[in-house]
Amino acid sequence: TISRDNAKNTVYLRMNSLKPEDTAVYYCHARITGL
């Protein structure tokens, strides 16, 4: 489950029922669009 707290400018990823296949390096990403 991904969620956000705009007041804290924070995004969370709650991971339940984890499997060995979930093993990885996890990277946070942000995209800003405009010109």
PDB file of all heavy atoms in Angstrom:
ATOM      1  N   THR A   1       0.840  -1.187   0.000  1.00  0.00           N
ATOM      2  CA  THR A   1       0.000   0.000   0.000  1.00  0.00           C
ATOM      3  C   THR A   1       0.881   1.244   0.000  1.00  0.00           C
ATOM      4  O   THR A   1       1.732   1.399   0.875  1.00  0.00           O
ATOM      5  CB  THR A   1      -0.933   0.034   1.220  1.00  0.00           C
ATOM      6  OG1 THR A   1      -1.752  -1.137   1.242  1.00  0.00           O
ATOM      7  CG2 THR A   1      -1.834   1.262   1.158  1.00  0.00           C
ATOM      8  N   ILE A   2       0.671   2.104  -0.979  1.00  0.00           N
ATOM      9  CA  ILE A   2       1.384   3.364  -1.028  1.00  0.00           C
ATOM     10  C   ILE A   2       0.475   4.461  -0.489  1.00  0.00           C
ATOM     11  O   ILE A   2      -0.724   4.472  -0.748  1.00  0.00           O
ATOM     12  CB  ILE A   2       1.871   3.690  -2.459  1.00  0.00           C
ATOM     13  CG1 ILE A   2       2.807   4.902  -2.449  1.00  0.00           C
ATOM     14  CG2 ILE A   2       0.703   3.903  -3.411  1.00  0.00           C
ATOM     15  CD1 ILE A   2       3.527   5.126  -3.773  1.00  0.00           C
ATOM     16  N   SER A   3       1.045   5.365   0.271  1.00  0.00           N
ATOM     17  CA  SER A   3       0.286   6.462   0.845  1.00  0.00           C
ATOM     18  C   SER A   3       1.177   7.687   0.954  1.00  0.00           C
ATOM     19  O   SER A   3       2.393   7.605   0.777  1.00  0.00           O
ATOM     20  CB  SER A   3      -0.289   6.088   2.216  1.00  0.00           C
ATOM     21  OG  SER A   3       0.747   5.780   3.132  1.00  0.00           O
ATOM     22  N   ARG A   4       0.566   8.822   1.245  1.00  0.00           N
ATOM     23  CA  ARG A   4       1.332  10.050   1.346  1.00  0.00           C
ATOM     24  C   ARG A   4       0.816  10.902   2.490  1.00  0.00           C
ATOM     25  O   ARG A   4      -0.360  10.851   2.854  1.00  0.00           O
ATOM     26  CB  ARG A   4       1.267  10.829   0.032  1.00  0.00           C
ATOM     27  CG  ARG A   4      -0.119  11.398  -0.291  1.00  0.00           C
ATOM     28  CD  ARG A   4      -0.269  11.763  -1.750  1.00  0.00           C
ATOM     29  NE  ARG A   4       0.787  12.651  -2.218  1.00  0.00           N
ATOM     30  CZ  ARG A   4       0.995  12.964  -3.486  1.00  0.00           C
ATOM     31  NH1 ARG A   4       0.219  12.444  -4.435  1.00  0.00           N
ATOM     32  NH2 ARG A   4       1.982  13.772  -3.820  1.00  0.00           N
ATOM     33  N   ASP A   5       1.711  11.689   3.040  1.00  0.00           N
ATOM     34  CA  ASP A   5       1.388  12.677   4.045  1.00  0.00           C
ATOM     35  C   ASP A   5       1.887  14.004   3.500  1.00  0.00           C
ATOM     36  O   ASP A   5       3.079  14.306   3.581  1.00  0.00           O
ATOM     37  CB  ASP A   5       2.039  12.344   5.385  1.00  0.00           C
ATOM     38  CG  ASP A   5       1.629  13.290   6.492  1.00  0.00           C
ATOM     39  OD1 ASP A   5       1.189  14.418   6.208  1.00  0.00           O
ATOM     40  OD2 ASP A   5       1.748  12.900   7.669  1.00  0.00           O
ATOM     41  N   ASN A   6       0.989  14.780   2.929  1.00  0.00           N
ATOM     42  CA  ASN A   6       1.392  16.021   2.281  1.00  0.00           C
ATOM     43  C   ASN A   6       1.966  17.034   3.269  1.00  0.00           C
ATOM     44  O   ASN A   6       2.841  17.825   2.914  1.00  0.00           O
ATOM     45  CB  ASN A   6       0.206  16.633   1.536  1.00  0.00           C
ATOM     46  CG  ASN A   6      -0.191  15.837   0.311  1.00  0.00           C
ATOM     47  OD1 ASN A   6       0.657  15.232  -0.346  1.00  0.00           O
ATOM     48  ND2 ASN A   6      -1.472  15.842  -0.019  1.00  0.00           N
ATOM     49  N   ALA A   7       1.470  17.023   4.497  1.00  0.00           N
ATOM     50  CA  ALA A   7       1.979  17.947   5.499  1.00  0.00           C
ATOM     51  C   ALA A   7       3.446  17.691   5.802  1.00  0.00           C
ATOM     52  O   ALA A   7       4.194  18.617   6.128  1.00  0.00           O
ATOM     53  CB  ALA A   7       1.148  17.862   6.775  1.00  0.00           C
ATOM     54  N   LYS A   8       3.857  16.438   5.714  1.00  0.00           N
ATOM     55  CA  LYS A   8       5.243  16.071   5.978  1.00  0.00           C
ATOM     56  C   LYS A   8       6.048  15.849   4.705  1.00  0.00           C
ATOM     57  O   LYS A   8       7.229  15.493   4.784  1.00  0.00           O
ATOM     58  CB  LYS A   8       5.302  14.813   6.842  1.00  0.00           C
ATOM     59  CG  LYS A   8       4.694  14.978   8.226  1.00  0.00           C
ATOM     60  CD  LYS A   8       4.815  13.697   9.036  1.00  0.00           C
ATOM     61  CE  LYS A   8       4.252  13.865  10.429  1.00  0.00           C
ATOM     62  NZ  LYS A   8       4.374  12.621  11.236  1.00  0.00           N
ATOM     63  N   ASN A   9       5.425  16.049   3.552  1.00  0.00           N
ATOM     64  CA  ASN A   9       6.081  15.810   2.265  1.00  0.00           C
ATOM     65  C   ASN A   9       6.709  14.424   2.214  1.00  0.00           C
ATOM     66  O   ASN A   9       7.852  14.256   1.779  1.00  0.00           O
ATOM     67  CB  ASN A   9       7.140  16.880   1.990  1.00  0.00           C
ATOM     68  CG  ASN A   9       6.553  18.264   1.836  1.00  0.00           C
ATOM     69  OD1 ASN A   9       5.453  18.425   1.313  1.00  0.00           O
ATOM     70  ND2 ASN A   9       7.291  19.274   2.273  1.00  0.00           N
ATOM     71  N   THR A  10       5.956  13.454   2.646  1.00  0.00           N
ATOM     72  CA  THR A  10       6.469  12.102   2.787  1.00  0.00           C
ATOM     73  C   THR A  10       5.549  11.101   2.107  1.00  0.00           C
ATOM     74  O   THR A  10       4.325  11.218   2.189  1.00  0.00           O
ATOM     75  CB  THR A  10       6.627  11.736   4.269  1.00  0.00           C
ATOM     76  OG1 THR A  10       7.522  12.666   4.894  1.00  0.00           O
ATOM     77  CG2 THR A  10       7.189  10.333   4.428  1.00  0.00           C
ATOM     78  N   VAL A  11       6.159  10.140   1.450  1.00  0.00           N
ATOM     79  CA  VAL A  11       5.425   9.034   0.858  1.00  0.00           C
ATOM     80  C   VAL A  11       5.875   7.749   1.539  1.00  0.00           C
ATOM     81  O   VAL A  11       7.050   7.596   1.891  1.00  0.00           O
ATOM     82  CB  VAL A  11       5.626   8.967  -0.674  1.00  0.00           C
ATOM     83  CG1 VAL A  11       7.086   8.708  -1.032  1.00  0.00           C
ATOM     84  CG2 VAL A  11       4.718   7.908  -1.292  1.00  0.00           C
ATOM     85  N   TYR A  12       4.938   6.835   1.734  1.00  0.00           N
ATOM     86  CA  TYR A  12       5.200   5.589   2.425  1.00  0.00           C
ATOM     87  C   TYR A  12       4.862   4.405   1.527  1.00  0.00           C
ATOM     88  O   TYR A  12       4.007   4.492   0.654  1.00  0.00           O
ATOM     89  CB  TYR A  12       4.373   5.480   3.706  1.00  0.00           C
ATOM     90  CG  TYR A  12       4.555   6.623   4.668  1.00  0.00           C
ATOM     91  CD1 TYR A  12       3.693   7.715   4.652  1.00  0.00           C
ATOM     92  CD2 TYR A  12       5.586   6.610   5.602  1.00  0.00           C
ATOM     93  CE1 TYR A  12       3.855   8.762   5.539  1.00  0.00           C
ATOM     94  CE2 TYR A  12       5.751   7.649   6.491  1.00  0.00           C
ATOM     95  CZ  TYR A  12       4.882   8.728   6.457  1.00  0.00           C
ATOM     96  OH  TYR A  12       5.046   9.761   7.347  1.00  0.00           O
ATOM     97  N   LEU A  13       5.526   3.314   1.785  1.00  0.00           N
ATOM     98  CA  LEU A  13       5.184   2.050   1.150  1.00  0.00           C
ATOM     99  C   LEU A  13       5.093   0.993   2.237  1.00  0.00           C
ATOM    100  O   LEU A  13       6.106   0.592   2.804  1.00  0.00           O
ATOM    101  CB  LEU A  13       6.215   1.640   0.097  1.00  0.00           C
ATOM    102  CG  LEU A  13       5.873   0.365  -0.679  1.00  0.00           C
ATOM    103  CD1 LEU A  13       4.646   0.595  -1.568  1.00  0.00           C
ATOM    104  CD2 LEU A  13       7.054  -0.102  -1.522  1.00  0.00           C
ATOM    105  N   ARG A  14       3.867   0.576   2.539  1.00  0.00           N
ATOM    106  CA  ARG A  14       3.639  -0.487   3.499  1.00  0.00           C
ATOM    107  C   ARG A  14       3.630  -1.810   2.749  1.00  0.00           C
ATOM    108  O   ARG A  14       2.826  -2.003   1.844  1.00  0.00           O
ATOM    109  CB  ARG A  14       2.316  -0.278   4.232  1.00  0.00           C
ATOM    110  CG  ARG A  14       1.954  -1.384   5.216  1.00  0.00           C
ATOM    111  CD  ARG A  14       2.912  -1.399   6.400  1.00  0.00           C
ATOM    112  NE  ARG A  14       2.554  -2.425   7.364  1.00  0.00           N
ATOM    113  CZ  ARG A  14       3.211  -2.667   8.485  1.00  0.00           C
ATOM    114  NH1 ARG A  14       4.269  -1.935   8.802  1.00  0.00           N
ATOM    115  NH2 ARG A  14       2.816  -3.634   9.297  1.00  0.00           N
ATOM    116  N   MET A  15       4.513  -2.699   3.135  1.00  0.00           N
ATOM    117  CA  MET A  15       4.669  -3.974   2.468  1.00  0.00           C
ATOM    118  C   MET A  15       4.284  -5.086   3.430  1.00  0.00           C
ATOM    119  O   MET A  15       4.918  -5.271   4.467  1.00  0.00           O
ATOM    120  CB  MET A  15       6.110  -4.162   1.984  1.00  0.00           C
ATOM    121  CG  MET A  15       6.592  -3.042   1.065  1.00  0.00           C
ATOM    122  SD  MET A  15       8.277  -3.302   0.450  1.00  0.00           S
ATOM    123  CE  MET A  15       9.199  -3.092   1.986  1.00  0.00           C
ATOM    124  N   ASN A  16       3.239  -5.808   3.083  1.00  0.00           N
ATOM    125  CA  ASN A  16       2.765  -6.932   3.877  1.00  0.00           C
ATOM    126  C   ASN A  16       2.964  -8.233   3.109  1.00  0.00           C
ATOM    127  O   ASN A  16       3.139  -8.244   1.894  1.00  0.00           O
ATOM    128  CB  ASN A  16       1.284  -6.765   4.223  1.00  0.00           C
ATOM    129  CG  ASN A  16       1.003  -5.608   5.137  1.00  0.00           C
ATOM    130  OD1 ASN A  16       1.817  -5.264   5.997  1.00  0.00           O
ATOM    131  ND2 ASN A  16      -0.167  -4.999   4.977  1.00  0.00           N
ATOM    132  N   SER A  17       2.906  -9.334   3.835  1.00  0.00           N
ATOM    133  CA  SER A  17       3.023 -10.662   3.240  1.00  0.00           C
ATOM    134  C   SER A  17       4.225 -10.749   2.306  1.00  0.00           C
ATOM    135  O   SER A  17       4.130 -11.215   1.170  1.00  0.00           O
ATOM    136  CB  SER A  17       1.735 -11.029   2.493  1.00  0.00           C
ATOM    137  OG  SER A  17       0.619 -10.995   3.353  1.00  0.00           O
ATOM    138  N   LEU A  18       5.357 -10.306   2.786  1.00  0.00           N
ATOM    139  CA  LEU A  18       6.548 -10.237   1.954  1.00  0.00           C
ATOM    140  C   LEU A  18       7.017 -11.623   1.527  1.00  0.00           C
ATOM    141  O   LEU A  18       6.918 -12.593   2.285  1.00  0.00           O
ATOM    142  CB  LEU A  18       7.665  -9.502   2.688  1.00  0.00           C
ATOM    143  CG  LEU A  18       7.515  -7.977   2.704  1.00  0.00           C
ATOM    144  CD1 LEU A  18       8.381  -7.363   3.792  1.00  0.00           C
ATOM    145  CD2 LEU A  18       7.873  -7.403   1.336  1.00  0.00           C
ATOM    146  N   LYS A  19       7.526 -11.682   0.311  1.00  0.00           N
ATOM    147  CA  LYS A  19       8.036 -12.903  -0.284  1.00  0.00           C
ATOM    148  C   LYS A  19       9.515 -12.737  -0.611  1.00  0.00           C
ATOM    149  O   LYS A  19       9.982 -11.618  -0.810  1.00  0.00           O
ATOM    150  CB  LYS A  19       7.271 -13.235  -1.570  1.00  0.00           C
ATOM    151  CG  LYS A  19       5.761 -13.300  -1.425  1.00  0.00           C
ATOM    152  CD  LYS A  19       5.097 -13.499  -2.780  1.00  0.00           C
ATOM    153  CE  LYS A  19       3.595 -13.559  -2.652  1.00  0.00           C
ATOM    154  NZ  LYS A  19       2.936 -13.730  -3.976  1.00  0.00           N
ATOM    155  N   PRO A  20      10.260 -13.839  -0.695  1.00  0.00           N
ATOM    156  CA  PRO A  20      11.662 -13.719  -1.102  1.00  0.00           C
ATOM    157  C   PRO A  20      11.838 -13.016  -2.444  1.00  0.00           C
ATOM    158  O   PRO A  20      12.855 -12.343  -2.651  1.00  0.00           O
ATOM    159  CB  PRO A  20      12.127 -15.181  -1.177  1.00  0.00           C
ATOM    160  CG  PRO A  20      11.262 -15.891  -0.189  1.00  0.00           C
ATOM    161  CD  PRO A  20       9.922 -15.211  -0.288  1.00  0.00           C
ATOM    162  N   GLU A  21      10.859 -13.139  -3.329  1.00  0.00           N
ATOM    163  CA  GLU A  21      10.923 -12.474  -4.627  1.00  0.00           C
ATOM    164  C   GLU A  21      10.870 -10.955  -4.518  1.00  0.00           C
ATOM    165  O   GLU A  21      11.161 -10.256  -5.492  1.00  0.00           O
ATOM    166  CB  GLU A  21       9.777 -12.953  -5.532  1.00  0.00           C
ATOM    167  CG  GLU A  21       9.726 -14.461  -5.728  1.00  0.00           C
ATOM    168  CD  GLU A  21       8.837 -15.148  -4.719  1.00  0.00           C
ATOM    169  OE1 GLU A  21       9.335 -15.463  -3.613  1.00  0.00           O
ATOM    170  OE2 GLU A  21       7.648 -15.372  -5.033  1.00  0.00           O
ATOM    171  N   ASP A  22      10.476 -10.442  -3.360  1.00  0.00           N
ATOM    172  CA  ASP A  22      10.450  -9.003  -3.145  1.00  0.00           C
ATOM    173  C   ASP A  22      11.823  -8.439  -2.810  1.00  0.00           C
ATOM    174  O   ASP A  22      11.977  -7.216  -2.716  1.00  0.00           O
ATOM    175  CB  ASP A  22       9.473  -8.643  -2.021  1.00  0.00           C
ATOM    176  CG  ASP A  22       8.037  -8.996  -2.362  1.00  0.00           C
ATOM    177  OD1 ASP A  22       7.607  -8.753  -3.504  1.00  0.00           O
ATOM    178  OD2 ASP A  22       7.334  -9.521  -1.464  1.00  0.00           O
ATOM    179  N   THR A  23      12.797  -9.290  -2.610  1.00  0.00           N
ATOM    180  CA  THR A  23      14.147  -8.846  -2.277  1.00  0.00           C
ATOM    181  C   THR A  23      14.715  -7.993  -3.402  1.00  0.00           C
ATOM    182  O   THR A  23      14.774  -8.419  -4.557  1.00  0.00           O
ATOM    183  CB  THR A  23      15.058 -10.045  -2.010  1.00  0.00           C
ATOM    184  OG1 THR A  23      14.592 -10.756  -0.865  1.00  0.00           O
ATOM    185  CG2 THR A  23      16.492  -9.587  -1.768  1.00  0.00           C
ATOM    186  N   ALA A  24      15.122  -6.778  -3.065  1.00  0.00           N
ATOM    187  CA  ALA A  24      15.634  -5.838  -4.054  1.00  0.00           C
ATOM    188  C   ALA A  24      16.077  -4.571  -3.347  1.00  0.00           C
ATOM    189  O   ALA A  24      15.831  -4.389  -2.151  1.00  0.00           O
ATOM    190  CB  ALA A  24      14.559  -5.503  -5.099  1.00  0.00           C
ATOM    191  N   VAL A  25      16.730  -3.703  -4.100  1.00  0.00           N
ATOM    192  CA  VAL A  25      16.965  -2.342  -3.644  1.00  0.00           C
ATOM    193  C   VAL A  25      15.774  -1.509  -4.078  1.00  0.00           C
ATOM    194  O   VAL A  25      15.418  -1.486  -5.262  1.00  0.00           O
ATOM    195  CB  VAL A  25      18.268  -1.753  -4.205  1.00  0.00           C
ATOM    196  CG1 VAL A  25      18.440  -0.307  -3.754  1.00  0.00           C
ATOM    197  CG2 VAL A  25      19.461  -2.587  -3.767  1.00  0.00           C
ATOM    198  N   TYR A  26      15.158  -0.841  -3.140  1.00  0.00           N
ATOM    199  CA  TYR A  26      13.979  -0.031  -3.410  1.00  0.00           C
ATOM    200  C   TYR A  26      14.362   1.439  -3.478  1.00  0.00           C
ATOM    201  O   TYR A  26      15.042   1.957  -2.589  1.00  0.00           O
ATOM    202  CB  TYR A  26      12.920  -0.250  -2.329  1.00  0.00           C
ATOM    203  CG  TYR A  26      12.198  -1.569  -2.464  1.00  0.00           C
ATOM    204  CD1 TYR A  26      12.855  -2.771  -2.212  1.00  0.00           C
ATOM    205  CD2 TYR A  26      10.859  -1.620  -2.859  1.00  0.00           C
ATOM    206  CE1 TYR A  26      12.200  -3.982  -2.356  1.00  0.00           C
ATOM    207  CE2 TYR A  26      10.203  -2.827  -2.999  1.00  0.00           C
ATOM    208  CZ  TYR A  26      10.875  -4.007  -2.750  1.00  0.00           C
ATOM    209  OH  TYR A  26      10.212  -5.203  -2.892  1.00  0.00           O
ATOM    210  N   TYR A  27      13.907   2.110  -4.539  1.00  0.00           N
ATOM    211  CA  TYR A  27      14.237   3.503  -4.786  1.00  0.00           C
ATOM    212  C   TYR A  27      12.990   4.371  -4.779  1.00  0.00           C
ATOM    213  O   TYR A  27      12.009   4.067  -5.460  1.00  0.00           O
ATOM    214  CB  TYR A  27      14.926   3.667  -6.141  1.00  0.00           C
ATOM    215  CG  TYR A  27      16.253   2.956  -6.262  1.00  0.00           C
ATOM    216  CD1 TYR A  27      16.323   1.666  -6.767  1.00  0.00           C
ATOM    217  CD2 TYR A  27      17.433   3.585  -5.879  1.00  0.00           C
ATOM    218  CE1 TYR A  27      17.533   1.010  -6.890  1.00  0.00           C
ATOM    219  CE2 TYR A  27      18.646   2.938  -5.998  1.00  0.00           C
ATOM    220  CZ  TYR A  27      18.689   1.649  -6.504  1.00  0.00           C
ATOM    221  OH  TYR A  27      19.891   1.007  -6.625  1.00  0.00           O
ATOM    222  N   CYS A  28      13.046   5.448  -4.040  1.00  0.00           N
ATOM    223  CA  CYS A  28      11.994   6.448  -4.091  1.00  0.00           C
ATOM    224  C   CYS A  28      12.172   7.301  -5.339  1.00  0.00           C
ATOM    225  O   CYS A  28      13.296   7.602  -5.748  1.00  0.00           O
ATOM    226  CB  CYS A  28      12.036   7.322  -2.834  1.00  0.00           C
ATOM    227  SG  CYS A  28      10.730   8.560  -2.734  1.00  0.00           S
ATOM    228  N   HIS A  29      11.067   7.694  -5.936  1.00  0.00           N
ATOM    229  CA  HIS A  29      11.096   8.468  -7.170  1.00  0.00           C
ATOM    230  C   HIS A  29      10.060   9.583  -7.121  1.00  0.00           C
ATOM    231  O   HIS A  29       8.959   9.397  -6.590  1.00  0.00           O
ATOM    232  CB  HIS A  29      10.819   7.556  -8.373  1.00  0.00           C
ATOM    233  CG  HIS A  29      10.562   8.301  -9.648  1.00  0.00           C
ATOM    234  ND1 HIS A  29       9.288   8.455 -10.169  1.00  0.00           N
ATOM    235  CD2 HIS A  29      11.408   8.936 -10.501  1.00  0.00           C
ATOM    236  CE1 HIS A  29       9.361   9.139 -11.293  1.00  0.00           C
ATOM    237  NE2 HIS A  29      10.634   9.443 -11.517  1.00  0.00           N
ATOM    238  N   ALA A  30      10.425  10.729  -7.675  1.00  0.00           N
ATOM    239  CA  ALA A  30       9.494  11.845  -7.806  1.00  0.00           C
ATOM    240  C   ALA A  30       9.614  12.436  -9.192  1.00  0.00           C
ATOM    241  O   ALA A  30      10.720  12.550  -9.735  1.00  0.00           O
ATOM    242  CB  ALA A  30       9.765  12.910  -6.750  1.00  0.00           C
ATOM    243  N   ARG A  31       8.490  12.799  -9.761  1.00  0.00           N
ATOM    244  CA  ARG A  31       8.464  13.413 -11.080  1.00  0.00           C
ATOM    245  C   ARG A  31       7.729  14.738 -11.018  1.00  0.00           C
ATOM    246  O   ARG A  31       6.617  14.829 -10.490  1.00  0.00           O
ATOM    247  CB  ARG A  31       7.806  12.490 -12.104  1.00  0.00           C
ATOM    248  CG  ARG A  31       7.527  13.155 -13.450  1.00  0.00           C
ATOM    249  CD  ARG A  31       7.240  12.149 -14.535  1.00  0.00           C
ATOM    250  NE  ARG A  31       8.462  11.458 -14.937  1.00  0.00           N
ATOM    251  CZ  ARG A  31       8.527  10.548 -15.905  1.00  0.00           C
ATOM    252  NH1 ARG A  31       7.429  10.196 -16.553  1.00  0.00           N
ATOM    253  NH2 ARG A  31       9.687   9.972 -16.211  1.00  0.00           N
ATOM    254  N   ILE A  32       8.362  15.759 -11.585  1.00  0.00           N
ATOM    255  CA  ILE A  32       7.771  17.088 -11.689  1.00  0.00           C
ATOM    256  C   ILE A  32       7.670  17.427 -13.170  1.00  0.00           C
ATOM    257  O   ILE A  32       8.661  17.350 -13.903  1.00  0.00           O
ATOM    258  CB  ILE A  32       8.603  18.153 -10.952  1.00  0.00           C
ATOM    259  CG1 ILE A  32       8.718  17.810  -9.469  1.00  0.00           C
ATOM    260  CG2 ILE A  32       7.993  19.535 -11.139  1.00  0.00           C
ATOM    261  CD1 ILE A  32       9.614  18.749  -8.689  1.00  0.00           C
ATOM    262  N   THR A  33       6.476  17.775 -13.593  1.00  0.00           N
ATOM    263  CA  THR A  33       6.264  18.120 -14.994  1.00  0.00           C
ATOM    264  C   THR A  33       5.905  19.592 -15.120  1.00  0.00           C
ATOM    265  O   THR A  33       5.272  20.187 -14.258  1.00  0.00           O
ATOM    266  CB  THR A  33       5.159  17.272 -15.626  1.00  0.00           C
ATOM    267  OG1 THR A  33       3.938  17.440 -14.896  1.00  0.00           O
ATOM    268  CG2 THR A  33       5.552  15.806 -15.615  1.00  0.00           C
ATOM    269  N   GLY A  34       6.297  20.169 -16.229  1.00  0.00           N
ATOM    270  CA  GLY A  34       6.024  21.555 -16.547  1.00  0.00           C
ATOM    271  C   GLY A  34       6.529  21.816 -17.941  1.00  0.00           C
ATOM    272  O   GLY A  34       6.241  21.053 -18.865  1.00  0.00           O
ATOM    273  N   LEU A  35       7.296  22.910 -18.103  1.00  0.00           N
ATOM    274  CA  LEU A  35       7.953  23.125 -19.383  1.00  0.00           C
ATOM    275  C   LEU A  35       8.897  21.967 -19.701  1.00  0.00           C
ATOM    276  O   LEU A  35       9.017  21.543 -20.851  1.00  0.00           O
ATOM    277  CB  LEU A  35       8.716  24.455 -19.368  1.00  0.00           C
ATOM    278  CG  LEU A  35       9.422  24.843 -20.666  1.00  0.00           C
ATOM    279  CD1 LEU A  35       8.425  24.998 -21.801  1.00  0.00           C
ATOM    280  CD2 LEU A  35      10.214  26.123 -20.472  1.00  0.00           C
TER     281      LEU A  35
END
